[in-house]
Amino acid sequence: MKCEFIAILYEEEIYESHEIARSYFQSEREVHHDKADIYRYVDVIWIHWDNAVAHRQGSGQIAAQMWEKHQLGEIDIVLG
C-alpha cells in the first residue's frame, strides 16, 4: 500500500530543556535543546485513495524539516 500524508497544521513548540523528539522518518531519539530552541512539526493524516475519495488511516506528526524535503503541493480532497 502506498503511504500518503496530508498536512493539516504546522506547529511550533519551545523547549526549555532536553526532550524526546519523535519523527516518522527517524527512530525516537533524545534531543538537547537550548532554552530558545524551537521544534517545528506538521500534524498530518495518513490516507489511502478509493477512487476519488480519500480515507483516513491514521494521524501523527512529522518534523517540519523532513516534511519540507518532499515535493509538496495543494489538492482538494473528499474525505470519506
PDB file of N, CA and C in Angstrom:
ATOM      1  N   MET A   1       0.844  -1.178   0.000  1.00  0.00           N
ATOM      2  CA  MET A   1       0.000   0.000   0.000  1.00  0.00           C
ATOM      3  C   MET A   1       0.889   1.241   0.000  1.00  0.00           C
ATOM      4  N   LYS A   2       0.542   2.191  -0.837  1.00  0.00           N
ATOM      5  CA  LYS A   2       1.253   3.464  -0.912  1.00  0.00           C
ATOM      6  C   LYS A   2       0.959   4.295   0.343  1.00  0.00           C
ATOM      7  N   CYS A   3       1.976   4.909   0.887  1.00  0.00           N
ATOM      8  CA  CYS A   3       1.833   5.713   2.110  1.00  0.00           C
ATOM      9  C   CYS A   3       1.779   7.191   1.713  1.00  0.00           C
ATOM     10  N   GLU A   4       0.613   7.817   1.871  1.00  0.00           N
ATOM     11  CA  GLU A   4       0.427   9.232   1.521  1.00  0.00           C
ATOM     12  C   GLU A   4      -0.049  10.012   2.734  1.00  0.00           C
ATOM     13  N   PHE A   5       0.505  11.199   2.918  1.00  0.00           N
ATOM     14  CA  PHE A   5       0.139  12.057   4.043  1.00  0.00           C
ATOM     15  C   PHE A   5      -0.416  13.381   3.533  1.00  0.00           C
ATOM     16  N   ILE A   6      -1.320  13.953   4.298  1.00  0.00           N
ATOM     17  CA  ILE A   6      -1.838  15.292   4.033  1.00  0.00           C
ATOM     18  C   ILE A   6      -1.579  16.144   5.274  1.00  0.00           C
ATOM     19  N   ALA A   7      -0.970  17.310   5.061  1.00  0.00           N
ATOM     20  CA  ALA A   7      -0.702  18.231   6.173  1.00  0.00           C
ATOM     21  C   ALA A   7      -1.996  18.893   6.612  1.00  0.00           C
ATOM     22  N   ILE A   8      -2.202  18.940   7.905  1.00  0.00           N
ATOM     23  CA  ILE A   8      -3.378  19.580   8.471  1.00  0.00           C
ATOM     24  C   ILE A   8      -3.000  20.919   9.111  1.00  0.00           C
ATOM     25  N   LEU A   9      -1.846  20.943   9.793  1.00  0.00           N
ATOM     26  CA  LEU A   9      -1.470  22.113  10.580  1.00  0.00           C
ATOM     27  C   LEU A   9       0.031  22.122  10.822  1.00  0.00           C
ATOM     28  N   TYR A  10       0.670  23.283  10.667  1.00  0.00           N
ATOM     29  CA  TYR A  10       2.066  23.469  11.073  1.00  0.00           C
ATOM     30  C   TYR A  10       2.069  23.986  12.504  1.00  0.00           C
ATOM     31  N   GLU A  11       2.970  23.440  13.353  1.00  0.00           N
ATOM     32  CA  GLU A  11       3.043  23.883  14.744  1.00  0.00           C
ATOM     33  C   GLU A  11       4.488  24.082  15.169  1.00  0.00           C
ATOM     34  N   GLU A  12       4.658  24.843  16.236  1.00  0.00           N
ATOM     35  CA  GLU A  12       5.978  25.063  16.834  1.00  0.00           C
ATOM     36  C   GLU A  12       5.860  24.913  18.342  1.00  0.00           C
ATOM     37  N   GLU A  13       6.899  24.337  18.963  1.00  0.00           N
ATOM     38  CA  GLU A  13       6.970  24.257  20.421  1.00  0.00           C
ATOM     39  C   GLU A  13       8.332  24.759  20.857  1.00  0.00           C
ATOM     40  N   ILE A  14       8.368  25.493  21.946  1.00  0.00           N
ATOM     41  CA  ILE A  14       9.621  25.981  22.510  1.00  0.00           C
ATOM     42  C   ILE A  14      10.022  25.035  23.641  1.00  0.00           C
ATOM     43  N   TYR A  15      11.259  24.556  23.588  1.00  0.00           N
ATOM     44  CA  TYR A  15      11.768  23.650  24.614  1.00  0.00           C
ATOM     45  C   TYR A  15      12.667  24.405  25.575  1.00  0.00           C
ATOM     46  N   GLU A  16      12.470  24.152  26.855  1.00  0.00           N
ATOM     47  CA  GLU A  16      13.300  24.794  27.873  1.00  0.00           C
ATOM     48  C   GLU A  16      14.368  23.863  28.411  1.00  0.00           C
ATOM     49  N   SER A  17      14.278  22.584  28.079  1.00  0.00           N
ATOM     50  CA  SER A  17      15.293  21.613  28.491  1.00  0.00           C
ATOM     51  C   SER A  17      15.323  20.508  27.450  1.00  0.00           C
ATOM     52  N   HIS A  18      16.138  19.462  27.680  1.00  0.00           N
ATOM     53  CA  HIS A  18      16.171  18.400  26.673  1.00  0.00           C
ATOM     54  C   HIS A  18      14.889  17.568  26.735  1.00  0.00           C
ATOM     55  N   GLU A  19      14.455  17.135  25.587  1.00  0.00           N
ATOM     56  CA  GLU A  19      13.191  16.415  25.432  1.00  0.00           C
ATOM     57  C   GLU A  19      13.422  15.208  24.525  1.00  0.00           C
ATOM     58  N   ILE A  20      12.436  14.354  24.447  1.00  0.00           N
ATOM     59  CA  ILE A  20      12.437  13.281  23.469  1.00  0.00           C
ATOM     60  C   ILE A  20      11.639  13.762  22.262  1.00  0.00           C
ATOM     61  N   ALA A  21      12.265  13.777  21.087  1.00  0.00           N
ATOM     62  CA  ALA A  21      11.591  14.191  19.860  1.00  0.00           C
ATOM     63  C   ALA A  21      11.335  12.953  19.006  1.00  0.00           C
ATOM     64  N   ARG A  22      10.183  12.903  18.371  1.00  0.00           N
ATOM     65  CA  ARG A  22       9.844  11.768  17.519  1.00  0.00           C
ATOM     66  C   ARG A  22       9.644  12.255  16.087  1.00  0.00           C
ATOM     67  N   SER A  23      10.027  11.425  15.160  1.00  0.00           N
ATOM     68  CA  SER A  23       9.812  11.695  13.753  1.00  0.00           C
ATOM     69  C   SER A  23       9.462  10.377  13.084  1.00  0.00           C
ATOM     70  N   TYR A  24       8.569  10.402  12.116  1.00  0.00           N
ATOM     71  CA  TYR A  24       8.225   9.180  11.402  1.00  0.00           C
ATOM     72  C   TYR A  24       9.345   8.754  10.465  1.00  0.00           C
ATOM     73  N   PHE A  25      10.323   9.621  10.218  1.00  0.00           N
ATOM     74  CA  PHE A  25      11.436   9.283   9.349  1.00  0.00           C
ATOM     75  C   PHE A  25      12.671   8.867  10.146  1.00  0.00           C
ATOM     76  N   GLN A  26      12.634   9.015  11.446  1.00  0.00           N
ATOM     77  CA  GLN A  26      13.760   8.640  12.298  1.00  0.00           C
ATOM     78  C   GLN A  26      13.192   7.929  13.518  1.00  0.00           C
ATOM     79  N   SER A  27      14.003   7.062  14.116  1.00  0.00           N
ATOM     80  CA  SER A  27      13.550   6.428  15.349  1.00  0.00           C
ATOM     81  C   SER A  27      13.575   7.457  16.477  1.00  0.00           C
ATOM     82  N   GLU A  28      12.952   7.111  17.594  1.00  0.00           N
ATOM     83  CA  GLU A  28      12.933   8.039  18.737  1.00  0.00           C
ATOM     84  C   GLU A  28      14.380   8.359  19.118  1.00  0.00           C
ATOM     85  N   ARG A  29      14.627   9.605  19.417  1.00  0.00           N
ATOM     86  CA  ARG A  29      15.986   9.997  19.797  1.00  0.00           C
ATOM     87  C   ARG A  29      15.909  11.116  20.818  1.00  0.00           C
ATOM     88  N   GLU A  30      16.934  11.213  21.625  1.00  0.00           N
ATOM     89  CA  GLU A  30      16.991  12.303  22.597  1.00  0.00           C
ATOM     90  C   GLU A  30      17.616  13.504  21.923  1.00  0.00           C
ATOM     91  N   VAL A  31      17.013  14.646  22.119  1.00  0.00           N
ATOM     92  CA  VAL A  31      17.498  15.885  21.517  1.00  0.00           C
ATOM     93  C   VAL A  31      17.735  16.884  22.631  1.00  0.00           C
ATOM     94  N   HIS A  32      18.914  17.491  22.645  1.00  0.00           N
ATOM     95  CA  HIS A  32      19.219  18.509  23.653  1.00  0.00           C
ATOM     96  C   HIS A  32      18.975  19.880  23.044  1.00  0.00           C
ATOM     97  N   HIS A  33      18.128  20.652  23.690  1.00  0.00           N
ATOM     98  CA  HIS A  33      17.753  21.970  23.202  1.00  0.00           C
ATOM     99  C   HIS A  33      18.251  23.040  24.168  1.00  0.00           C
ATOM    100  N   ASP A  34      18.667  24.162  23.607  1.00  0.00           N
ATOM    101  CA  ASP A  34      18.919  25.329  24.434  1.00  0.00           C
ATOM    102  C   ASP A  34      17.571  25.944  24.790  1.00  0.00           C
ATOM    103  N   LYS A  35      17.568  26.879  25.714  1.00  0.00           N
ATOM    104  CA  LYS A  35      16.303  27.471  26.165  1.00  0.00           C
ATOM    105  C   LYS A  35      15.504  28.099  25.032  1.00  0.00           C
ATOM    106  N   ALA A  36      16.180  28.583  23.982  1.00  0.00           N
ATOM    107  CA  ALA A  36      15.477  29.280  22.908  1.00  0.00           C
ATOM    108  C   ALA A  36      15.137  28.367  21.729  1.00  0.00           C
ATOM    109  N   ASP A  37      15.457  27.068  21.821  1.00  0.00           N
ATOM    110  CA  ASP A  37      15.215  26.174  20.688  1.00  0.00           C
ATOM    111  C   ASP A  37      13.730  25.967  20.433  1.00  0.00           C
ATOM    112  N   ILE A  38      13.404  25.883  19.150  1.00  0.00           N
ATOM    113  CA  ILE A  38      12.018  25.679  18.737  1.00  0.00           C
ATOM    114  C   ILE A  38      11.952  24.408  17.894  1.00  0.00           C
ATOM    115  N   TYR A  39      11.010  23.529  18.213  1.00  0.00           N
ATOM    116  CA  TYR A  39      10.774  22.324  17.443  1.00  0.00           C
ATOM    117  C   TYR A  39       9.565  22.583  16.545  1.00  0.00           C
ATOM    118  N   ARG A  40       9.757  22.505  15.218  1.00  0.00           N
ATOM    119  CA  ARG A  40       8.679  22.719  14.251  1.00  0.00           C
ATOM    120  C   ARG A  40       8.226  21.378  13.708  1.00  0.00           C
ATOM    121  N   TYR A  41       6.930  21.167  13.657  1.00  0.00           N
ATOM    122  CA  TYR A  41       6.408  19.923  13.115  1.00  0.00           C
ATOM    123  C   TYR A  41       5.095  20.152  12.396  1.00  0.00           C
ATOM    124  N   VAL A  42       4.683  19.118  11.655  1.00  0.00           N
ATOM    125  CA  VAL A  42       3.468  19.174  10.858  1.00  0.00           C
ATOM    126  C   VAL A  42       2.525  18.087  11.365  1.00  0.00           C
ATOM    127  N   ASP A  43       1.295  18.475  11.719  1.00  0.00           N
ATOM    128  CA  ASP A  43       0.266  17.493  12.033  1.00  0.00           C
ATOM    129  C   ASP A  43      -0.271  16.968  10.706  1.00  0.00           C
ATOM    130  N   VAL A  44      -0.328  15.643  10.562  1.00  0.00           N
ATOM    131  CA  VAL A  44      -0.722  15.037   9.291  1.00  0.00           C
ATOM    132  C   VAL A  44      -1.782  13.964   9.496  1.00  0.00           C
ATOM    133  N   ILE A  45      -2.479  13.650   8.406  1.00  0.00           N
ATOM    134  CA  ILE A  45      -3.281  12.433   8.378  1.00  0.00           C
ATOM    135  C   ILE A  45      -2.703  11.546   7.282  1.00  0.00           C
ATOM    136  N   TRP A  46      -2.707  10.250   7.538  1.00  0.00           N
ATOM    137  CA  TRP A  46      -2.271   9.253   6.576  1.00  0.00           C
ATOM    138  C   TRP A  46      -3.531   8.799   5.848  1.00  0.00           C
ATOM    139  N   ILE A  47      -3.504   8.825   4.526  1.00  0.00           N
ATOM    140  CA  ILE A  47      -4.697   8.489   3.757  1.00  0.00           C
ATOM    141  C   ILE A  47      -4.415   7.390   2.740  1.00  0.00           C
ATOM    142  N   HIS A  48      -5.460   6.743   2.296  1.00  0.00           N
ATOM    143  CA  HIS A  48      -5.405   5.919   1.087  1.00  0.00           C
ATOM    144  C   HIS A  48      -6.605   6.307   0.234  1.00  0.00           C
ATOM    145  N   TRP A  49      -6.458   6.099  -1.054  1.00  0.00           N
ATOM    146  CA  TRP A  49      -7.489   6.513  -2.006  1.00  0.00           C
ATOM    147  C   TRP A  49      -8.356   5.338  -2.412  1.00  0.00           C
ATOM    148  N   ASP A  50      -9.657   5.565  -2.488  1.00  0.00           N
ATOM    149  CA  ASP A  50     -10.617   4.626  -3.063  1.00  0.00           C
ATOM    150  C   ASP A  50     -11.357   5.415  -4.122  1.00  0.00           C
ATOM    151  N   ASN A  51     -10.942   5.209  -5.377  1.00  0.00           N
ATOM    152  CA  ASN A  51     -11.399   6.039  -6.499  1.00  0.00           C
ATOM    153  C   ASN A  51     -11.010   7.483  -6.200  1.00  0.00           C
ATOM    154  N   ALA A  52     -11.933   8.416  -6.116  1.00  0.00           N
ATOM    155  CA  ALA A  52     -11.592   9.822  -5.882  1.00  0.00           C
ATOM    156  C   ALA A  52     -11.818  10.240  -4.432  1.00  0.00           C
ATOM    157  N   VAL A  53     -12.010   9.269  -3.541  1.00  0.00           N
ATOM    158  CA  VAL A  53     -12.285   9.574  -2.138  1.00  0.00           C
ATOM    159  C   VAL A  53     -11.090   9.153  -1.280  1.00  0.00           C
ATOM    160  N   ALA A  54     -10.604  10.082  -0.441  1.00  0.00           N
ATOM    161  CA  ALA A  54      -9.504   9.799   0.481  1.00  0.00           C
ATOM    162  C   ALA A  54     -10.073   9.258   1.785  1.00  0.00           C
ATOM    163  N   HIS A  55      -9.470   8.190   2.299  1.00  0.00           N
ATOM    164  CA  HIS A  55      -9.893   7.606   3.573  1.00  0.00           C
ATOM    165  C   HIS A  55      -8.747   7.696   4.572  1.00  0.00           C
ATOM    166  N   ARG A  56      -9.047   8.200   5.753  1.00  0.00           N
ATOM    167  CA  ARG A  56      -8.033   8.376   6.797  1.00  0.00           C
ATOM    168  C   ARG A  56      -7.645   7.026   7.392  1.00  0.00           C
ATOM    169  N   GLN A  57      -6.346   6.768   7.443  1.00  0.00           N
ATOM    170  CA  GLN A  57      -5.820   5.547   8.042  1.00  0.00           C
ATOM    171  C   GLN A  57      -5.217   5.800   9.417  1.00  0.00           C
ATOM    172  N   GLY A  58      -4.794   7.031   9.657  1.00  0.00           N
ATOM    173  CA  GLY A  58      -4.175   7.378  10.930  1.00  0.00           C
ATOM    174  C   GLY A  58      -3.800   8.841  10.938  1.00  0.00           C
ATOM    175  N   SER A  59      -3.199   9.267  12.043  1.00  0.00           N
ATOM    176  CA  SER A  59      -2.744  10.655  12.154  1.00  0.00           C
ATOM    177  C   SER A  59      -1.452  10.679  12.964  1.00  0.00           C
ATOM    178  N   GLY A  60      -0.727  11.773  12.865  1.00  0.00           N
ATOM    179  CA  GLY A  60       0.524  11.884  13.604  1.00  0.00           C
ATOM    180  C   GLY A  60       1.210  13.209  13.330  1.00  0.00           C
ATOM    181  N   GLN A  61       2.499  13.225  13.648  1.00  0.00           N
ATOM    182  CA  GLN A  61       3.312  14.422  13.447  1.00  0.00           C
ATOM    183  C   GLN A  61       4.602  14.034  12.741  1.00  0.00           C
ATOM    184  N   ILE A  62       5.051  14.929  11.872  1.00  0.00           N
ATOM    185  CA  ILE A  62       6.312  14.747  11.151  1.00  0.00           C
ATOM    186  C   ILE A  62       7.121  16.021  11.350  1.00  0.00           C
ATOM    187  N   ALA A  63       8.415  15.865  11.619  1.00  0.00           N
ATOM    188  CA  ALA A  63       9.283  17.039  11.764  1.00  0.00           C
ATOM    189  C   ALA A  63       9.196  17.886  10.494  1.00  0.00           C
ATOM    190  N   ALA A  64       9.012  19.199  10.655  1.00  0.00           N
ATOM    191  CA  ALA A  64       8.822  20.102   9.521  1.00  0.00           C
ATOM    192  C   ALA A  64       9.998  20.044   8.544  1.00  0.00           C
ATOM    193  N   GLN A  65      11.215  19.939   9.052  1.00  0.00           N
ATOM    194  CA  GLN A  65      12.370  19.910   8.152  1.00  0.00           C
ATOM    195  C   GLN A  65      12.358  18.657   7.273  1.00  0.00           C
ATOM    196  N   MET A  66      11.824  17.550   7.756  1.00  0.00           N
ATOM    197  CA  MET A  66      11.709  16.337   6.956  1.00  0.00           C
ATOM    198  C   MET A  66      10.562  16.469   5.951  1.00  0.00           C
ATOM    199  N   TRP A  67       9.454  17.048   6.391  1.00  0.00           N
ATOM    200  CA  TRP A  67       8.287  17.250   5.529  1.00  0.00           C
ATOM    201  C   TRP A  67       8.655  18.117   4.328  1.00  0.00           C
ATOM    202  N   GLU A  68       9.408  19.182   4.584  1.00  0.00           N
ATOM    203  CA  GLU A  68       9.740  20.156   3.546  1.00  0.00           C
ATOM    204  C   GLU A  68      10.737  19.624   2.518  1.00  0.00           C
ATOM    205  N   LYS A  69      11.355  18.473   2.756  1.00  0.00           N
ATOM    206  CA  LYS A  69      12.288  17.867   1.804  1.00  0.00           C
ATOM    207  C   LYS A  69      11.564  17.162   0.656  1.00  0.00           C
ATOM    208  N   HIS A  70      10.259  17.006   0.761  1.00  0.00           N
ATOM    209  CA  HIS A  70       9.484  16.288  -0.243  1.00  0.00           C
ATOM    210  C   HIS A  70       8.769  17.249  -1.186  1.00  0.00           C
ATOM    211  N   GLN A  71       8.346  16.729  -2.329  1.00  0.00           N
ATOM    212  CA  GLN A  71       7.585  17.539  -3.276  1.00  0.00           C
ATOM    213  C   GLN A  71       6.212  17.797  -2.672  1.00  0.00           C
ATOM    214  N   LEU A  72       5.926  19.058  -2.437  1.00  0.00           N
ATOM    215  CA  LEU A  72       4.666  19.432  -1.786  1.00  0.00           C
ATOM    216  C   LEU A  72       3.785  20.192  -2.754  1.00  0.00           C
ATOM    217  N   GLY A  73       2.491  20.047  -2.581  1.00  0.00           N
ATOM    218  CA  GLY A  73       1.533  20.771  -3.401  1.00  0.00           C
ATOM    219  C   GLY A  73       0.211  20.817  -2.691  1.00  0.00           C
ATOM    220  N   GLU A  74      -0.728  21.505  -3.260  1.00  0.00           N
ATOM    221  CA  GLU A  74      -2.061  21.614  -2.677  1.00  0.00           C
ATOM    222  C   GLU A  74      -3.045  20.840  -3.533  1.00  0.00           C
ATOM    223  N   ILE A  75      -3.976  20.156  -2.870  1.00  0.00           N
ATOM    224  CA  ILE A  75      -5.031  19.434  -3.572  1.00  0.00           C
ATOM    225  C   ILE A  75      -6.341  19.617  -2.824  1.00  0.00           C
ATOM    226  N   ASP A  76      -7.432  19.475  -3.538  1.00  0.00           N
ATOM    227  CA  ASP A  76      -8.754  19.418  -2.903  1.00  0.00           C
ATOM    228  C   ASP A  76      -9.092  17.943  -2.752  1.00  0.00           C
ATOM    229  N   ILE A  77      -9.664  17.575  -1.603  1.00  0.00           N
ATOM    230  CA  ILE A  77      -9.991  16.172  -1.381  1.00  0.00           C
ATOM    231  C   ILE A  77     -11.430  16.032  -0.891  1.00  0.00           C
ATOM    232  N   VAL A  78     -11.958  14.856  -1.111  1.00  0.00           N
ATOM    233  CA  VAL A  78     -13.207  14.422  -0.483  1.00  0.00           C
ATOM    234  C   VAL A  78     -12.768  13.362   0.499  1.00  0.00           C
ATOM    235  N   LEU A  79     -13.027  13.589   1.779  1.00  0.00           N
ATOM    236  CA  LEU A  79     -12.609  12.663   2.820  1.00  0.00           C
ATOM    237  C   LEU A  79     -13.800  11.796   3.206  1.00  0.00           C
ATOM    238  N   GLY A  80     -13.640  10.490   3.038  1.00  0.00           N
ATOM    239  CA  GLY A  80     -14.736   9.558   3.323  1.00  0.00           C
ATOM    240  C   GLY A  80     -14.595   8.879   4.650  1.00  0.00           C
TER     241      GLY A  80
END
